[in-house]
Amino acid sequence: MLSPWALGVQADPALTSNAVLVGLALIAVTMGAMLVPRAWEEWSEALVGLWLMESPWVAGFAGQRQAVLSALITGAAVVALAMWTLPSDPDYRNWLNDEPTPH
């Protein structure tokens, strides 16, 4: 969320708004995961990470090398952590094994 200021590229409105919105989305998904833990939060985090990885080209800041690297590395880390956590989620394990979710 603070990467545009850390990288000194906050003058680019597309880049800055994308970073802030992605940061807020990750915070919202994380808060949702803490309040209502379900498998959806890992999938949501993975989708946000994938968006972050393709956002330099979609949002038009692909010419800023530091910002692209930041988006790619951070997005890949978010996706990797979400996929790493997913197998530990009981909802996902039950769905994968076609078992009812325990309540």
PDB file of N, CA and C in Angstrom:
ATOM      1  N   MET A   1       0.814  -1.185   0.000  1.00  0.00           N
ATOM      2  CA  MET A   1       0.000   0.000   0.000  1.00  0.00           C
ATOM      3  C   MET A   1       0.867   1.262   0.000  1.00  0.00           C
ATOM      4  N   LEU A   2       2.008   1.169   0.607  1.00  0.00           N
ATOM      5  CA  LEU A   2       2.893   2.324   0.711  1.00  0.00           C
ATOM      6  C   LEU A   2       4.036   2.299  -0.305  1.00  0.00           C
ATOM      7  N   SER A   3       4.036   1.303  -1.173  1.00  0.00           N
ATOM      8  CA  SER A   3       5.154   1.145  -2.107  1.00  0.00           C
ATOM      9  C   SER A   3       5.393   2.349  -3.020  1.00  0.00           C
ATOM     10  N   PRO A   4       4.365   3.063  -3.497  1.00  0.00           N
ATOM     11  CA  PRO A   4       4.676   4.223  -4.360  1.00  0.00           C
ATOM     12  C   PRO A   4       5.550   5.260  -3.646  1.00  0.00           C
ATOM     13  N   TRP A   5       5.305   5.484  -2.372  1.00  0.00           N
ATOM     14  CA  TRP A   5       6.095   6.447  -1.617  1.00  0.00           C
ATOM     15  C   TRP A   5       7.469   5.874  -1.293  1.00  0.00           C
ATOM     16  N   ALA A   6       7.534   4.580  -1.004  1.00  0.00           N
ATOM     17  CA  ALA A   6       8.822   3.940  -0.718  1.00  0.00           C
ATOM     18  C   ALA A   6       9.719   3.937  -1.950  1.00  0.00           C
ATOM     19  N   LEU A   7       9.115   3.802  -3.132  1.00  0.00           N
ATOM     20  CA  LEU A   7       9.882   3.774  -4.377  1.00  0.00           C
ATOM     21  C   LEU A   7      10.044   5.153  -5.004  1.00  0.00           C
ATOM     22  N   GLY A   8       9.354   6.151  -4.466  1.00  0.00           N
ATOM     23  CA  GLY A   8       9.441   7.499  -5.007  1.00  0.00           C
ATOM     24  C   GLY A   8       8.707   7.698  -6.318  1.00  0.00           C
ATOM     25  N   VAL A   9       7.644   6.933  -6.539  1.00  0.00           N
ATOM     26  CA  VAL A   9       6.884   7.030  -7.787  1.00  0.00           C
ATOM     27  C   VAL A   9       5.433   7.448  -7.541  1.00  0.00           C
ATOM     28  N   GLN A  10       5.188   8.114  -6.434  1.00  0.00           N
ATOM     29  CA  GLN A  10       3.832   8.494  -6.058  1.00  0.00           C
ATOM     30  C   GLN A  10       3.208   9.527  -6.987  1.00  0.00           C
ATOM     31  N   ALA A  11       3.975  10.109  -7.886  1.00  0.00           N
ATOM     32  CA  ALA A  11       3.430  11.088  -8.828  1.00  0.00           C
ATOM     33  C   ALA A  11       2.564  10.433  -9.900  1.00  0.00           C
ATOM     34  N   ASP A  12       2.697   9.131 -10.099  1.00  0.00           N
ATOM     35  CA  ASP A  12       1.902   8.409 -11.098  1.00  0.00           C
ATOM     36  C   ASP A  12       0.567   8.028 -10.470  1.00  0.00           C
ATOM     37  N   PRO A  13      -0.534   8.668 -10.892  1.00  0.00           N
ATOM     38  CA  PRO A  13      -1.822   8.410 -10.247  1.00  0.00           C
ATOM     39  C   PRO A  13      -2.338   6.980 -10.429  1.00  0.00           C
ATOM     40  N   ALA A  14      -2.098   6.369 -11.586  1.00  0.00           N
ATOM     41  CA  ALA A  14      -2.562   4.995 -11.809  1.00  0.00           C
ATOM     42  C   ALA A  14      -1.826   4.032 -10.895  1.00  0.00           C
ATOM     43  N   LEU A  15      -0.529   4.207 -10.809  1.00  0.00           N
ATOM     44  CA  LEU A  15       0.294   3.355  -9.967  1.00  0.00           C
ATOM     45  C   LEU A  15      -0.087   3.516  -8.496  1.00  0.00           C
ATOM     46  N   THR A  16      -0.202   4.758  -8.044  1.00  0.00           N
ATOM     47  CA  THR A  16      -0.503   5.024  -6.639  1.00  0.00           C
ATOM     48  C   THR A  16      -1.887   4.524  -6.261  1.00  0.00           C
ATOM     49  N   SER A  17      -2.887   4.809  -7.082  1.00  0.00           N
ATOM     50  CA  SER A  17      -4.234   4.351  -6.748  1.00  0.00           C
ATOM     51  C   SER A  17      -4.318   2.833  -6.782  1.00  0.00           C
ATOM     52  N   ASN A  18      -3.622   2.192  -7.713  1.00  0.00           N
ATOM     53  CA  ASN A  18      -3.609   0.733  -7.769  1.00  0.00           C
ATOM     54  C   ASN A  18      -2.987   0.158  -6.499  1.00  0.00           C
ATOM     55  N   ALA A  19      -1.861   0.693  -6.080  1.00  0.00           N
ATOM     56  CA  ALA A  19      -1.185   0.189  -4.880  1.00  0.00           C
ATOM     57  C   ALA A  19      -2.052   0.359  -3.638  1.00  0.00           C
ATOM     58  N   VAL A  20      -2.688   1.510  -3.518  1.00  0.00           N
ATOM     59  CA  VAL A  20      -3.542   1.760  -2.350  1.00  0.00           C
ATOM     60  C   VAL A  20      -4.759   0.835  -2.373  1.00  0.00           C
ATOM     61  N   LEU A  21      -5.399   0.692  -3.528  1.00  0.00           N
ATOM     62  CA  LEU A  21      -6.576  -0.178  -3.617  1.00  0.00           C
ATOM     63  C   LEU A  21      -6.229  -1.647  -3.376  1.00  0.00           C
ATOM     64  N   VAL A  22      -5.106  -2.104  -3.918  1.00  0.00           N
ATOM     65  CA  VAL A  22      -4.679  -3.491  -3.679  1.00  0.00           C
ATOM     66  C   VAL A  22      -4.357  -3.686  -2.203  1.00  0.00           C
ATOM     67  N   GLY A  23      -3.688  -2.734  -1.609  1.00  0.00           N
ATOM     68  CA  GLY A  23      -3.388  -2.822  -0.176  1.00  0.00           C
ATOM     69  C   GLY A  23      -4.650  -2.876   0.662  1.00  0.00           C
ATOM     70  N   LEU A  24      -5.620  -2.027   0.342  1.00  0.00           N
ATOM     71  CA  LEU A  24      -6.892  -2.038   1.071  1.00  0.00           C
ATOM     72  C   LEU A  24      -7.644  -3.348   0.856  1.00  0.00           C
ATOM     73  N   ALA A  25      -7.589  -3.880  -0.358  1.00  0.00           N
ATOM     74  CA  ALA A  25      -8.251  -5.160  -0.644  1.00  0.00           C
ATOM     75  C   ALA A  25      -7.623  -6.284   0.170  1.00  0.00           C
ATOM     76  N   LEU A  26      -6.301  -6.296   0.255  1.00  0.00           N
ATOM     77  CA  LEU A  26      -5.631  -7.335   1.046  1.00  0.00           C
ATOM     78  C   LEU A  26      -5.951  -7.198   2.535  1.00  0.00           C
ATOM     79  N   ILE A  27      -6.027  -5.972   3.021  1.00  0.00           N
ATOM     80  CA  ILE A  27      -6.406  -5.756   4.419  1.00  0.00           C
ATOM     81  C   ILE A  27      -7.832  -6.237   4.649  1.00  0.00           C
ATOM     82  N   ALA A  28      -8.738  -5.913   3.738  1.00  0.00           N
ATOM     83  CA  ALA A  28     -10.139  -6.334   3.885  1.00  0.00           C
ATOM     84  C   ALA A  28     -10.275  -7.853   3.871  1.00  0.00           C
ATOM     85  N   VAL A  29      -9.576  -8.507   2.956  1.00  0.00           N
ATOM     86  CA  VAL A  29      -9.641  -9.970   2.881  1.00  0.00           C
ATOM     87  C   VAL A  29      -9.044 -10.588   4.145  1.00  0.00           C
ATOM     88  N   THR A  30      -7.950 -10.023   4.625  1.00  0.00           N
ATOM     89  CA  THR A  30      -7.331 -10.534   5.840  1.00  0.00           C
ATOM     90  C   THR A  30      -8.247 -10.356   7.042  1.00  0.00           C
ATOM     91  N   MET A  31      -8.885  -9.211   7.143  1.00  0.00           N
ATOM     92  CA  MET A  31      -9.835  -8.988   8.246  1.00  0.00           C
ATOM     93  C   MET A  31     -11.007  -9.958   8.135  1.00  0.00           C
ATOM     94  N   GLY A  32     -11.484 -10.175   6.916  1.00  0.00           N
ATOM     95  CA  GLY A  32     -12.555 -11.150   6.712  1.00  0.00           C
ATOM     96  C   GLY A  32     -12.127 -12.542   7.116  1.00  0.00           C
ATOM     97  N   ALA A  33     -10.890 -12.880   6.823  1.00  0.00           N
ATOM     98  CA  ALA A  33     -10.365 -14.200   7.187  1.00  0.00           C
ATOM     99  C   ALA A  33     -10.289 -14.365   8.702  1.00  0.00           C
ATOM    100  N   MET A  34      -9.999 -13.284   9.389  1.00  0.00           N
ATOM    101  CA  MET A  34      -9.922 -13.347  10.850  1.00  0.00           C
ATOM    102  C   MET A  34     -11.314 -13.453  11.474  1.00  0.00           C
ATOM    103  N   LEU A  35     -12.291 -12.804  10.864  1.00  0.00           N
ATOM    104  CA  LEU A  35     -13.637 -12.780  11.431  1.00  0.00           C
ATOM    105  C   LEU A  35     -14.486 -13.968  11.001  1.00  0.00           C
ATOM    106  N   VAL A  36     -14.356 -14.368   9.738  1.00  0.00           N
ATOM    107  CA  VAL A  36     -15.143 -15.477   9.195  1.00  0.00           C
ATOM    108  C   VAL A  36     -14.192 -16.383   8.413  1.00  0.00           C
ATOM    109  N   PRO A  37     -13.427 -17.219   9.118  1.00  0.00           N
ATOM    110  CA  PRO A  37     -12.448 -18.042   8.405  1.00  0.00           C
ATOM    111  C   PRO A  37     -13.099 -19.097   7.518  1.00  0.00           C
ATOM    112  N   ARG A  38     -12.864 -18.976   6.254  1.00  0.00           N
ATOM    113  CA  ARG A  38     -13.362 -19.910   5.235  1.00  0.00           C
ATOM    114  C   ARG A  38     -12.330 -19.975   4.116  1.00  0.00           C
ATOM    115  N   ALA A  39     -12.500 -20.918   3.218  1.00  0.00           N
ATOM    116  CA  ALA A  39     -11.543 -21.091   2.120  1.00  0.00           C
ATOM    117  C   ALA A  39     -11.569 -19.914   1.142  1.00  0.00           C
ATOM    118  N   TRP A  40     -12.649 -19.137   1.120  1.00  0.00           N
ATOM    119  CA  TRP A  40     -12.738 -18.046   0.152  1.00  0.00           C
ATOM    120  C   TRP A  40     -11.630 -17.024   0.331  1.00  0.00           C
ATOM    121  N   GLU A  41     -11.133 -16.844   1.567  1.00  0.00           N
ATOM    122  CA  GLU A  41     -10.141 -15.784   1.757  1.00  0.00           C
ATOM    123  C   GLU A  41      -8.828 -16.117   1.057  1.00  0.00           C
ATOM    124  N   GLU A  42      -8.424 -17.387   1.051  1.00  0.00           N
ATOM    125  CA  GLU A  42      -7.201 -17.734   0.339  1.00  0.00           C
ATOM    126  C   GLU A  42      -7.365 -17.515  -1.169  1.00  0.00           C
ATOM    127  N   TRP A  43      -8.522 -17.903  -1.698  1.00  0.00           N
ATOM    128  CA  TRP A  43      -8.778 -17.683  -3.126  1.00  0.00           C
ATOM    129  C   TRP A  43      -8.822 -16.192  -3.439  1.00  0.00           C
ATOM    130  N   SER A  44      -9.427 -15.412  -2.547  1.00  0.00           N
ATOM    131  CA  SER A  44      -9.491 -13.956  -2.747  1.00  0.00           C
ATOM    132  C   SER A  44      -8.096 -13.341  -2.715  1.00  0.00           C
ATOM    133  N   GLU A  45      -7.277 -13.784  -1.752  1.00  0.00           N
ATOM    134  CA  GLU A  45      -5.906 -13.280  -1.682  1.00  0.00           C
ATOM    135  C   GLU A  45      -5.138 -13.644  -2.957  1.00  0.00           C
ATOM    136  N   ALA A  46      -5.326 -14.861  -3.437  1.00  0.00           N
ATOM    137  CA  ALA A  46      -4.641 -15.279  -4.656  1.00  0.00           C
ATOM    138  C   ALA A  46      -5.068 -14.422  -5.851  1.00  0.00           C
ATOM    139  N   LEU A  47      -6.364 -14.126  -5.942  1.00  0.00           N
ATOM    140  CA  LEU A  47      -6.846 -13.272  -7.045  1.00  0.00           C
ATOM    141  C   LEU A  47      -6.270 -11.868  -6.956  1.00  0.00           C
ATOM    142  N   VAL A  48      -6.189 -11.322  -5.745  1.00  0.00           N
ATOM    143  CA  VAL A  48      -5.596  -9.993  -5.570  1.00  0.00           C
ATOM    144  C   VAL A  48      -4.117 -10.040  -5.963  1.00  0.00           C
ATOM    145  N   GLY A  49      -3.421 -11.112  -5.578  1.00  0.00           N
ATOM    146  CA  GLY A  49      -2.019 -11.263  -5.957  1.00  0.00           C
ATOM    147  C   GLY A  49      -1.835 -11.358  -7.463  1.00  0.00           C
ATOM    148  N   LEU A  50      -2.718 -12.112  -8.115  1.00  0.00           N
ATOM    149  CA  LEU A  50      -2.652 -12.209  -9.582  1.00  0.00           C
ATOM    150  C   LEU A  50      -2.912 -10.855 -10.235  1.00  0.00           C
ATOM    151  N   TRP A  51      -3.895 -10.126  -9.701  1.00  0.00           N
ATOM    152  CA  TRP A  51      -4.154  -8.779 -10.229  1.00  0.00           C
ATOM    153  C   TRP A  51      -2.910  -7.906 -10.073  1.00  0.00           C
ATOM    154  N   LEU A  52      -2.290  -7.980  -8.902  1.00  0.00           N
ATOM    155  CA  LEU A  52      -1.108  -7.165  -8.651  1.00  0.00           C
ATOM    156  C   LEU A  52      -0.010  -7.484  -9.660  1.00  0.00           C
ATOM    157  N   MET A  53       0.125  -8.747 -10.021  1.00  0.00           N
ATOM    158  CA  MET A  53       1.160  -9.146 -10.972  1.00  0.00           C
ATOM    159  C   MET A  53       0.880  -8.645 -12.391  1.00  0.00           C
ATOM    160  N   GLU A  54      -0.374  -8.516 -12.768  1.00  0.00           N
ATOM    161  CA  GLU A  54      -0.656  -8.038 -14.127  1.00  0.00           C
ATOM    162  C   GLU A  54      -1.017  -6.561 -14.172  1.00  0.00           C
ATOM    163  N   SER A  55      -1.153  -5.930 -13.024  1.00  0.00           N
ATOM    164  CA  SER A  55      -1.569  -4.528 -12.973  1.00  0.00           C
ATOM    165  C   SER A  55      -0.627  -3.548 -13.666  1.00  0.00           C
ATOM    166  N   PRO A  56       0.681  -3.761 -13.698  1.00  0.00           N
ATOM    167  CA  PRO A  56       1.509  -2.779 -14.412  1.00  0.00           C
ATOM    168  C   PRO A  56       1.108  -2.608 -15.877  1.00  0.00           C
ATOM    169  N   TRP A  57       0.696  -3.691 -16.517  1.00  0.00           N
ATOM    170  CA  TRP A  57       0.324  -3.618 -17.931  1.00  0.00           C
ATOM    171  C   TRP A  57      -1.120  -3.158 -18.096  1.00  0.00           C
ATOM    172  N   VAL A  58      -2.000  -3.570 -17.206  1.00  0.00           N
ATOM    173  CA  VAL A  58      -3.405  -3.175 -17.303  1.00  0.00           C
ATOM    174  C   VAL A  58      -3.582  -1.712 -16.901  1.00  0.00           C
ATOM    175  N   ALA A  59      -2.907  -1.298 -15.833  1.00  0.00           N
ATOM    176  CA  ALA A  59      -3.059   0.070 -15.331  1.00  0.00           C
ATOM    177  C   ALA A  59      -2.115   1.055 -16.013  1.00  0.00           C
ATOM    178  N   GLY A  60      -1.198   0.559 -16.830  1.00  0.00           N
ATOM    179  CA  GLY A  60      -0.376   1.449 -17.644  1.00  0.00           C
ATOM    180  C   GLY A  60       0.874   2.008 -16.999  1.00  0.00           C
ATOM    181  N   PHE A  61       1.470   1.305 -16.045  1.00  0.00           N
ATOM    182  CA  PHE A  61       2.725   1.790 -15.490  1.00  0.00           C
ATOM    183  C   PHE A  61       3.863   0.781 -15.698  1.00  0.00           C
ATOM    184  N   ALA A  62       3.766   0.020 -16.785  1.00  0.00           N
ATOM    185  CA  ALA A  62       4.775  -0.996 -17.093  1.00  0.00           C
ATOM    186  C   ALA A  62       6.141  -0.391 -17.416  1.00  0.00           C
ATOM    187  N   GLY A  63       6.201   0.885 -17.707  1.00  0.00           N
ATOM    188  CA  GLY A  63       7.466   1.533 -18.021  1.00  0.00           C
ATOM    189  C   GLY A  63       8.296   1.876 -16.796  1.00  0.00           C
ATOM    190  N   GLN A  64       7.747   1.700 -15.622  1.00  0.00           N
ATOM    191  CA  GLN A  64       8.472   2.029 -14.388  1.00  0.00           C
ATOM    192  C   GLN A  64       9.006   0.739 -13.766  1.00  0.00           C
ATOM    193  N   ARG A  65      10.255   0.463 -14.056  1.00  0.00           N
ATOM    194  CA  ARG A  65      10.868  -0.823 -13.708  1.00  0.00           C
ATOM    195  C   ARG A  65      10.733  -1.181 -12.231  1.00  0.00           C
ATOM    196  N   GLN A  66      11.029  -0.252 -11.335  1.00  0.00           N
ATOM    197  CA  GLN A  66      10.944  -0.543  -9.899  1.00  0.00           C
ATOM    198  C   GLN A  66       9.526  -0.907  -9.490  1.00  0.00           C
ATOM    199  N   ALA A  67       8.560  -0.202 -10.023  1.00  0.00           N
ATOM    200  CA  ALA A  67       7.165  -0.468  -9.685  1.00  0.00           C
ATOM    201  C   ALA A  67       6.730  -1.823 -10.234  1.00  0.00           C
ATOM    202  N   VAL A  68       7.181  -2.163 -11.438  1.00  0.00           N
ATOM    203  CA  VAL A  68       6.845  -3.459 -12.027  1.00  0.00           C
ATOM    204  C   VAL A  68       7.438  -4.582 -11.185  1.00  0.00           C
ATOM    205  N   LEU A  69       8.710  -4.461 -10.827  1.00  0.00           N
ATOM    206  CA  LEU A  69       9.346  -5.488  -9.994  1.00  0.00           C
ATOM    207  C   LEU A  69       8.650  -5.623  -8.649  1.00  0.00           C
ATOM    208  N   SER A  70       8.299  -4.503  -8.055  1.00  0.00           N
ATOM    209  CA  SER A  70       7.590  -4.532  -6.778  1.00  0.00           C
ATOM    210  C   SER A  70       6.254  -5.253  -6.907  1.00  0.00           C
ATOM    211  N   ALA A  71       5.514  -4.930  -7.955  1.00  0.00           N
ATOM    212  CA  ALA A  71       4.207  -5.560  -8.172  1.00  0.00           C
ATOM    213  C   ALA A  71       4.355  -7.058  -8.441  1.00  0.00           C
ATOM    214  N   LEU A  72       5.335  -7.427  -9.257  1.00  0.00           N
ATOM    215  CA  LEU A  72       5.534  -8.847  -9.580  1.00  0.00           C
ATOM    216  C   LEU A  72       5.974  -9.653  -8.357  1.00  0.00           C
ATOM    217  N   ILE A  73       6.931  -9.143  -7.627  1.00  0.00           N
ATOM    218  CA  ILE A  73       7.448  -9.868  -6.460  1.00  0.00           C
ATOM    219  C   ILE A  73       6.400  -9.946  -5.358  1.00  0.00           C
ATOM    220  N   THR A  74       5.750  -8.831  -5.082  1.00  0.00           N
ATOM    221  CA  THR A  74       4.722  -8.826  -4.035  1.00  0.00           C
ATOM    222  C   THR A  74       3.536  -9.689  -4.434  1.00  0.00           C
ATOM    223  N   GLY A  75       3.091  -9.562  -5.669  1.00  0.00           N
ATOM    224  CA  GLY A  75       1.977 -10.383  -6.147  1.00  0.00           C
ATOM    225  C   GLY A  75       2.292 -11.862  -6.088  1.00  0.00           C
ATOM    226  N   ALA A  76       3.507 -12.240  -6.505  1.00  0.00           N
ATOM    227  CA  ALA A  76       3.910 -13.649  -6.450  1.00  0.00           C
ATOM    228  C   ALA A  76       3.961 -14.145  -5.012  1.00  0.00           C
ATOM    229  N   ALA A  77       4.431 -13.307  -4.096  1.00  0.00           N
ATOM    230  CA  ALA A  77       4.473 -13.702  -2.682  1.00  0.00           C
ATOM    231  C   ALA A  77       3.065 -13.901  -2.127  1.00  0.00           C
ATOM    232  N   VAL A  78       2.150 -13.016  -2.484  1.00  0.00           N
ATOM    233  CA  VAL A  78       0.763 -13.136  -2.014  1.00  0.00           C
ATOM    234  C   VAL A  78       0.134 -14.420  -2.552  1.00  0.00           C
ATOM    235  N   VAL A  79       0.322 -14.698  -3.833  1.00  0.00           N
ATOM    236  CA  VAL A  79      -0.233 -15.922  -4.432  1.00  0.00           C
ATOM    237  C   VAL A  79       0.390 -17.150  -3.783  1.00  0.00           C
ATOM    238  N   ALA A  80       1.706 -17.152  -3.625  1.00  0.00           N
ATOM    239  CA  ALA A  80       2.391 -18.310  -3.037  1.00  0.00           C
ATOM    240  C   ALA A  80       1.925 -18.554  -1.604  1.00  0.00           C
ATOM    241  N   LEU A  81       1.803 -17.503  -0.815  1.00  0.00           N
ATOM    242  CA  LEU A  81       1.355 -17.674   0.575  1.00  0.00           C
ATOM    243  C   LEU A  81      -0.097 -18.135   0.640  1.00  0.00           C
ATOM    244  N   ALA A  82      -0.930 -17.622  -0.238  1.00  0.00           N
ATOM    245  CA  ALA A  82      -2.337 -18.051  -0.252  1.00  0.00           C
ATOM    246  C   ALA A  82      -2.444 -19.523  -0.633  1.00  0.00           C
ATOM    247  N   MET A  83      -1.687 -19.934  -1.640  1.00  0.00           N
ATOM    248  CA  MET A  83      -1.739 -21.332  -2.065  1.00  0.00           C
ATOM    249  C   MET A  83      -1.098 -22.265  -1.032  1.00  0.00           C
ATOM    250  N   TRP A  84      -0.112 -21.758  -0.309  1.00  0.00           N
ATOM    251  CA  TRP A  84       0.535 -22.537   0.742  1.00  0.00           C
ATOM    252  C   TRP A  84      -0.414 -22.740   1.926  1.00  0.00           C
ATOM    253  N   THR A  85      -1.212 -21.728   2.230  1.00  0.00           N
ATOM    254  CA  THR A  85      -2.145 -21.785   3.354  1.00  0.00           C
ATOM    255  C   THR A  85      -3.396 -22.580   3.013  1.00  0.00           C
ATOM    256  N   LEU A  86      -3.791 -22.592   1.766  1.00  0.00           N
ATOM    257  CA  LEU A  86      -5.044 -23.222   1.352  1.00  0.00           C
ATOM    258  C   LEU A  86      -5.196 -24.671   1.826  1.00  0.00           C
ATOM    259  N   PRO A  87      -4.203 -25.534   1.688  1.00  0.00           N
ATOM    260  CA  PRO A  87      -4.390 -26.924   2.130  1.00  0.00           C
ATOM    261  C   PRO A  87      -4.648 -27.086   3.628  1.00  0.00           C
ATOM    262  N   SER A  88      -4.285 -26.082   4.430  1.00  0.00           N
ATOM    263  CA  SER A  88      -4.530 -26.173   5.869  1.00  0.00           C
ATOM    264  C   SER A  88      -5.945 -25.741   6.239  1.00  0.00           C
ATOM    265  N   ASP A  89      -6.695 -25.223   5.281  1.00  0.00           N
ATOM    266  CA  ASP A  89      -8.059 -24.761   5.547  1.00  0.00           C
ATOM    267  C   ASP A  89      -9.019 -25.951   5.544  1.00  0.00           C
ATOM    268  N   PRO A  90      -9.747 -26.192   6.658  1.00  0.00           N
ATOM    269  CA  PRO A  90     -10.651 -27.340   6.717  1.00  0.00           C
ATOM    270  C   PRO A  90     -11.750 -27.300   5.656  1.00  0.00           C
ATOM    271  N   ASP A  91     -12.260 -26.103   5.325  1.00  0.00           N
ATOM    272  CA  ASP A  91     -13.304 -25.997   4.299  1.00  0.00           C
ATOM    273  C   ASP A  91     -12.784 -26.511   2.959  1.00  0.00           C
ATOM    274  N   TYR A  92     -11.588 -26.115   2.606  1.00  0.00           N
ATOM    275  CA  TYR A  92     -11.015 -26.534   1.328  1.00  0.00           C
ATOM    276  C   TYR A  92     -10.719 -28.034   1.342  1.00  0.00           C
ATOM    277  N   ARG A  93     -10.128 -28.524   2.439  1.00  0.00           N
ATOM    278  CA  ARG A  93      -9.829 -29.965   2.524  1.00  0.00           C
ATOM    279  C   ARG A  93     -11.104 -30.785   2.408  1.00  0.00           C
ATOM    280  N   ASN A  94     -12.171 -30.359   3.091  1.00  0.00           N
ATOM    281  CA  ASN A  94     -13.442 -31.080   3.028  1.00  0.00           C
ATOM    282  C   ASN A  94     -14.031 -31.029   1.625  1.00  0.00           C
ATOM    283  N   TRP A  95     -13.949 -29.870   0.985  1.00  0.00           N
ATOM    284  CA  TRP A  95     -14.460 -29.742  -0.379  1.00  0.00           C
ATOM    285  C   TRP A  95     -13.658 -30.619  -1.331  1.00  0.00           C
ATOM    286  N   LEU A  96     -12.333 -30.610  -1.152  1.00  0.00           N
ATOM    287  CA  LEU A  96     -11.463 -31.392  -2.007  1.00  0.00           C
ATOM    288  C   LEU A  96     -11.747 -32.884  -1.853  1.00  0.00           C
ATOM    289  N   ASN A  97     -12.034 -33.305  -0.636  1.00  0.00           N
ATOM    290  CA  ASN A  97     -12.328 -34.714  -0.355  1.00  0.00           C
ATOM    291  C   ASN A  97     -13.814 -35.017  -0.449  1.00  0.00           C
ATOM    292  N   ASP A  98     -14.607 -34.026  -0.849  1.00  0.00           N
ATOM    293  CA  ASP A  98     -16.060 -34.161  -1.008  1.00  0.00           C
ATOM    294  C   ASP A  98     -16.742 -34.601   0.289  1.00  0.00           C
ATOM    295  N   GLU A  99     -16.313 -33.966   1.389  1.00  0.00           N
ATOM    296  CA  GLU A  99     -16.901 -34.249   2.695  1.00  0.00           C
ATOM    297  C   GLU A  99     -17.700 -33.026   3.133  1.00  0.00           C
ATOM    298  N   PRO A 100     -18.730 -33.225   3.949  1.00  0.00           N
ATOM    299  CA  PRO A 100     -19.466 -32.067   4.472  1.00  0.00           C
ATOM    300  C   PRO A 100     -18.594 -31.283   5.449  1.00  0.00           C
ATOM    301  N   THR A 101     -18.807 -29.983   5.488  1.00  0.00           N
ATOM    302  CA  THR A 101     -18.078 -29.120   6.394  1.00  0.00           C
ATOM    303  C   THR A 101     -18.570 -29.319   7.811  1.00  0.00           C
ATOM    304  N   PRO A 102     -17.687 -29.592   8.789  1.00  0.00           N
ATOM    305  CA  PRO A 102     -18.136 -29.752  10.172  1.00  0.00           C
ATOM    306  C   PRO A 102     -18.543 -28.412  10.772  1.00  0.00           C
ATOM    307  N   HIS A 103     -19.587 -28.413  11.556  1.00  0.00           N
ATOM    308  CA  HIS A 103     -20.036 -27.174  12.230  1.00  0.00           C
ATOM    309  C   HIS A 103     -20.060 -27.356  13.696  1.00  0.00           C
TER     310      HIS A 103
END
